C-alpha atoms as a PDB file:
ATOM      1  CA  UNK A   1      21.616  -3.334  -2.777  1.00  0.00           C
ATOM      2  CA  UNK A   2      19.660  -6.568  -3.121  1.00  0.00           C
ATOM      3  CA  UNK A   3      16.419  -6.857  -5.037  1.00  0.00           C
ATOM      4  CA  UNK A   4      14.183  -7.055  -1.940  1.00  0.00           C
ATOM      5  CA  UNK A   5      15.932  -4.027  -0.429  1.00  0.00           C
ATOM      6  CA  UNK A   6      15.345  -2.045  -3.601  1.00  0.00           C
ATOM      7  CA  UNK A   7      11.704  -3.121  -3.850  1.00  0.00           C
ATOM      8  CA  UNK A   8      11.143  -2.116  -0.219  1.00  0.00           C
ATOM      9  CA  UNK A   9      12.742   1.287  -0.866  1.00  0.00           C
ATOM     10  CA  UNK A  10      10.581   1.800  -3.991  1.00  0.00           C
ATOM     11  CA  UNK A  11       7.403   1.036  -2.057  1.00  0.00           C
ATOM     12  CA  UNK A  12       8.496   3.257   0.837  1.00  0.00           C
ATOM     13  CA  UNK A  13       9.053   6.114  -1.619  1.00  0.00           C
ATOM     14  CA  UNK A  14       5.732   5.491  -3.376  1.00  0.00           C
ATOM     15  CA  UNK A  15       3.921   5.557  -0.040  1.00  0.00           C
ATOM     16  CA  UNK A  16       5.822   8.628   1.180  1.00  0.00           C
ATOM     17  CA  UNK A  17       4.833  10.432  -2.027  1.00  0.00           C
ATOM     18  CA  UNK A  18       1.180   9.561  -1.353  1.00  0.00           C
ATOM     19  CA  UNK A  19       1.492  10.738   2.250  1.00  0.00           C
ATOM     20  CA  UNK A  20       2.929  14.058   1.085  1.00  0.00           C
ATOM     21  CA  UNK A  21       0.101  14.534  -1.442  1.00  0.00           C
ATOM     22  CA  UNK A  22      -2.598  13.809   1.156  1.00  0.00           C
ATOM     23  CA  UNK A  23      -0.964  16.134   3.699  1.00  0.00           C
ATOM     24  CA  UNK A  24      -0.789  18.903   1.085  1.00  0.00           C
ATOM     25  CA  UNK A  25      -4.443  18.412   0.149  1.00  0.00           C
ATOM     26  CA  UNK A  26      -5.502  18.482   3.819  1.00  0.00           C
ATOM     27  CA  UNK A  27      -3.459  21.636   4.414  1.00  0.00           C
ATOM     28  CA  UNK A  28      -5.075  23.316   1.387  1.00  0.00           C
ATOM     29  CA  UNK A  29      -8.559  22.404   2.628  1.00  0.00           C
ATOM     30  CA  UNK A  30      -7.737  23.695   6.105  1.00  0.00           C
ATOM     31  CA  UNK A  31      -6.438  26.940   4.667  1.00  0.00           C
ATOM     32  CA  UNK A  32      -9.485  27.238   2.408  1.00  0.00           C
ATOM     33  CA  UNK A  33     -11.833  26.661   5.337  1.00  0.00           C
ATOM     34  CA  UNK A  34     -10.056  29.310   7.402  1.00  0.00           C
ATOM     35  CA  UNK A  35     -10.181  31.819   4.539  1.00  0.00           C
ATOM     36  CA  UNK A  36     -13.838  31.011   3.884  1.00  0.00           C
ATOM     37  CA  UNK A  37     -14.661  31.477   7.566  1.00  0.00           C
ATOM     38  CA  UNK A  38     -13.200  34.980   7.515  1.00  0.00           C
ATOM     39  CA  UNK A  39     -15.240  36.334   4.623  1.00  0.00           C
ATOM     40  CA  UNK A  40     -18.549  34.480   4.439  1.00  0.00           C
ATOM     41  CA  UNK A  41     -21.791  34.206   6.295  1.00  0.00           C
ATOM     42  CA  UNK A  42     -25.096  32.443   5.834  1.00  0.00           C
ATOM     43  CA  UNK A  43     -26.310  29.064   4.631  1.00  0.00           C
ATOM     44  CA  UNK A  44     -24.016  28.906   1.602  1.00  0.00           C
ATOM     45  CA  UNK A  45     -21.038  29.408   3.878  1.00  0.00           C
ATOM     46  CA  UNK A  46     -22.177  26.689   6.275  1.00  0.00           C
ATOM     47  CA  UNK A  47     -22.762  24.236   3.422  1.00  0.00           C
ATOM     48  CA  UNK A  48     -19.365  24.952   1.863  1.00  0.00           C
ATOM     49  CA  UNK A  49     -17.663  24.605   5.243  1.00  0.00           C
ATOM     50  CA  UNK A  50     -19.451  21.293   5.917  1.00  0.00           C
ATOM     51  CA  UNK A  51     -18.413  19.953   2.529  1.00  0.00           C
ATOM     52  CA  UNK A  52     -14.793  20.962   3.200  1.00  0.00           C
ATOM     53  CA  UNK A  53     -14.895  19.184   6.552  1.00  0.00           C
ATOM     54  CA  UNK A  54     -16.328  16.035   4.960  1.00  0.00           C
ATOM     55  CA  UNK A  55     -13.615  16.094   2.303  1.00  0.00           C
ATOM     56  CA  UNK A  56     -11.005  16.629   4.993  1.00  0.00           C
ATOM     57  CA  UNK A  57     -12.321  13.616   6.944  1.00  0.00           C
ATOM     58  CA  UNK A  58     -12.110  11.451   3.794  1.00  0.00           C
ATOM     59  CA  UNK A  59      -8.544  12.602   3.145  1.00  0.00           C
ATOM     60  CA  UNK A  60      -7.579  11.964   6.776  1.00  0.00           C
ATOM     61  CA  UNK A  61      -8.993   8.443   6.486  1.00  0.00           C
ATOM     62  CA  UNK A  62      -7.007   7.796   3.291  1.00  0.00           C
ATOM     63  CA  UNK A  63      -3.895   9.281   4.900  1.00  0.00           C
ATOM     64  CA  UNK A  64      -4.259   6.926   7.881  1.00  0.00           C
ATOM     65  CA  UNK A  65      -4.574   3.956   5.514  1.00  0.00           C
ATOM     66  CA  UNK A  66      -1.380   4.935   3.665  1.00  0.00           C
ATOM     67  CA  UNK A  67       0.456   5.567   6.955  1.00  0.00           C
ATOM     68  CA  UNK A  68      -0.580   2.070   8.115  1.00  0.00           C
ATOM     69  CA  UNK A  69       0.693   0.555   4.850  1.00  0.00           C
ATOM     70  CA  UNK A  70       3.985   2.425   5.196  1.00  0.00           C
ATOM     71  CA  UNK A  71       4.350   1.201   8.789  1.00  0.00           C
ATOM     72  CA  UNK A  72       4.020  -2.390   7.526  1.00  0.00           C
ATOM     73  CA  UNK A  73       6.677  -1.836   4.853  1.00  0.00           C
ATOM     74  CA  UNK A  74       8.981  -0.002   7.290  1.00  0.00           C
ATOM     75  CA  UNK A  75       8.869  -2.934   9.758  1.00  0.00           C
ATOM     76  CA  UNK A  76       9.923  -5.473   7.137  1.00  0.00           C
ATOM     77  CA  UNK A  77      13.418  -6.896   7.222  1.00  0.00           C
ATOM     78  CA  UNK A  78      14.498  -7.458   3.603  1.00  0.00           C
ATOM     79  CA  UNK A  79      17.501  -9.477   4.843  1.00  0.00           C
ATOM     80  CA  UNK A  80      15.243 -12.081   6.430  1.00  0.00           C
ATOM     81  CA  UNK A  81      15.611 -15.343   4.518  1.00  0.00           C
ATOM     82  CA  UNK A  82      13.029 -18.051   5.067  1.00  0.00           C
ATOM     83  CA  UNK A  83      12.011 -21.230   3.337  1.00  0.00           C
ATOM     84  CA  UNK A  84       8.347 -20.385   3.956  1.00  0.00           C
ATOM     85  CA  UNK A  85       6.323 -17.436   2.680  1.00  0.00           C
ATOM     86  CA  UNK A  86       6.169 -14.689   5.310  1.00  0.00           C
ATOM     87  CA  UNK A  87       5.511 -10.964   5.500  1.00  0.00           C
ATOM     88  CA  UNK A  88       8.170  -9.338   3.331  1.00  0.00           C
ATOM     89  CA  UNK A  89       8.773 -12.398   1.151  1.00  0.00           C
ATOM     90  CA  UNK A  90       9.289 -12.008  -2.564  1.00  0.00           C
ATOM     91  CA  UNK A  91       7.591 -15.015  -4.134  1.00  0.00           C
ATOM     92  CA  UNK A  92       7.843 -16.289  -7.704  1.00  0.00           C
ATOM     93  CA  UNK A  93       4.468 -17.759  -8.642  1.00  0.00           C
ATOM     94  CA  UNK A  94       3.469 -18.791 -12.182  1.00  0.00           C
ATOM     95  CA  UNK A  95       6.014 -16.411 -13.682  1.00  0.00           C
ATOM     96  CA  UNK A  96       4.752 -13.526 -11.510  1.00  0.00           C
ATOM     97  CA  UNK A  97       6.615 -11.833  -8.684  1.00  0.00           C
ATOM     98  CA  UNK A  98       4.565 -11.257  -5.542  1.00  0.00           C
ATOM     99  CA  UNK A  99       5.756  -9.064  -2.693  1.00  0.00           C
ATOM    100  CA  UNK A 100       3.898 -10.143   0.441  1.00  0.00           C
ATOM    101  CA  UNK A 101       3.339  -6.833   2.196  1.00  0.00           C
ATOM    102  CA  UNK A 102       0.174  -4.781   1.747  1.00  0.00           C
ATOM    103  CA  UNK A 103      -2.217  -4.191  -1.113  1.00  0.00           C
ATOM    104  CA  UNK A 104      -0.188  -1.673  -3.128  1.00  0.00           C
ATOM    105  CA  UNK A 105       0.125  -0.739  -6.804  1.00  0.00           C
ATOM    106  CA  UNK A 106       2.233  -2.825  -9.161  1.00  0.00           C
ATOM    107  CA  UNK A 107       5.743  -1.602  -9.788  1.00  0.00           C
ATOM    108  CA  UNK A 108       8.259  -2.540 -12.449  1.00  0.00           C
ATOM    109  CA  UNK A 109      11.692  -3.423 -11.214  1.00  0.00           C
ATOM    110  CA  UNK A 110      14.573  -4.640 -13.357  1.00  0.00           C
ATOM    111  CA  UNK A 111      12.138  -5.514 -16.157  1.00  0.00           C
ATOM    112  CA  UNK A 112       9.916  -7.532 -13.809  1.00  0.00           C
ATOM    113  CA  UNK A 113       6.439  -6.569 -12.673  1.00  0.00           C
ATOM    114  CA  UNK A 114       6.152  -6.785  -8.896  1.00  0.00           C
ATOM    115  CA  UNK A 115       2.676  -7.177  -7.451  1.00  0.00           C
ATOM    116  CA  UNK A 116       2.301  -6.272  -3.779  1.00  0.00           C
ATOM    117  CA  UNK A 117      -0.169  -8.614  -2.110  1.00  0.00           C
ATOM    118  CA  UNK A 118      -1.621  -8.305   1.366  1.00  0.00           C
ATOM    119  CA  UNK A 119      -1.308 -11.399   3.573  1.00  0.00           C
ATOM    120  CA  UNK A 120      -5.050 -10.968   4.199  1.00  0.00           C
ATOM    121  CA  UNK A 121      -5.932 -11.165   0.485  1.00  0.00           C
ATOM    122  CA  UNK A 122      -7.114 -14.579  -0.722  1.00  0.00           C
ATOM    123  CA  UNK A 123      -3.863 -15.321  -2.603  1.00  0.00           C
ATOM    124  CA  UNK A 124      -1.633 -13.877   0.125  1.00  0.00           C
ATOM    125  CA  UNK A 125      -3.481 -15.817   2.788  1.00  0.00           C
ATOM    126  CA  UNK A 126      -3.200 -19.079   0.827  1.00  0.00           C
ATOM    127  CA  UNK A 127       0.564 -18.597   0.324  1.00  0.00           C
ATOM    128  CA  UNK A 128       1.486 -17.543   3.869  1.00  0.00           C
ATOM    129  CA  UNK A 129       3.552 -20.205   5.621  1.00  0.00           C
ATOM    130  CA  UNK A 130       3.884 -22.352   2.483  1.00  0.00           C
ATOM    131  CA  UNK A 131       7.073 -23.642   0.831  1.00  0.00           C
ATOM    132  CA  UNK A 132       8.401 -23.963  -2.732  1.00  0.00           C
ATOM    133  CA  UNK A 133       6.275 -26.409  -4.705  1.00  0.00           C
ATOM    134  CA  UNK A 134       3.037 -25.567  -2.895  1.00  0.00           C
ATOM    135  CA  UNK A 135       0.035 -25.287  -5.219  1.00  0.00           C
ATOM    136  CA  UNK A 136      -3.292 -23.619  -4.525  1.00  0.00           C
ATOM    137  CA  UNK A 137      -6.328 -22.621  -6.531  1.00  0.00           C
ATOM    138  CA  UNK A 138      -7.940 -19.190  -6.182  1.00  0.00           C
ATOM    139  CA  UNK A 139     -10.884 -18.049  -8.315  1.00  0.00           C
ATOM    140  CA  UNK A 140     -10.321 -20.845 -10.813  1.00  0.00           C
ATOM    141  CA  UNK A 141      -6.607 -20.063 -11.256  1.00  0.00           C
ATOM    142  CA  UNK A 142      -3.902 -22.417 -10.077  1.00  0.00           C
ATOM    143  CA  UNK A 143      -0.809 -20.926  -8.412  1.00  0.00           C
ATOM    144  CA  UNK A 144       2.430 -22.800  -7.710  1.00  0.00           C
ATOM    145  CA  UNK A 145       5.309 -21.377  -5.687  1.00  0.00           C
ATOM    146  CA  UNK A 146       8.507 -21.608  -7.749  1.00  0.00           C
ATOM    147  CA  UNK A 147      10.844 -19.650  -5.439  1.00  0.00           C
ATOM    148  CA  UNK A 148      10.874 -17.640  -2.225  1.00  0.00           C
ATOM    149  CA  UNK A 149      13.287 -14.791  -1.594  1.00  0.00           C
END
C-alpha cells in the first residue's frame, strides 16, 4: 500500500474511533436521562435532565463535525496524481509533510510527522492549486513547496 493510501486509512481509523466514542457517550447520556426520568421528580430532576440534554446537543454537534471530516477523507482518491496541490495531496513543505484534507490531529507515519491541513486554513488555502517551487508567507513564516504526492 502506498504512503497516501496508508495515511488515508490511518485518518479514517482515527475519525472512526472518535465517532464510536461520541456515539457511546450519547448513548450513555440517553440511557441516563431515561433512567433519571423514571425515578425522579421536581426541580432537581428538571435541571439534571436539561443539563443532560445540553450535553447531548454538544456531543451531537461534535459528532456531526467528525462525520463531516470523515466524509471528506472517504471521498479522497489517494491514487490521484497531480502536479498542483489539491484536496488529498501530500505536500512536502519546509521539511514538513502536509496532508491537504481537513483540520485533524498530527500523526506519525514511517518516522515522519504528517500534519493534516484544511484547504480553508490560511496555509492550505495559500497552497491549493500551486506547484512545486511555489513560495508563500503566512504569519511571518515562509513556506516553499518541495514536492507534491
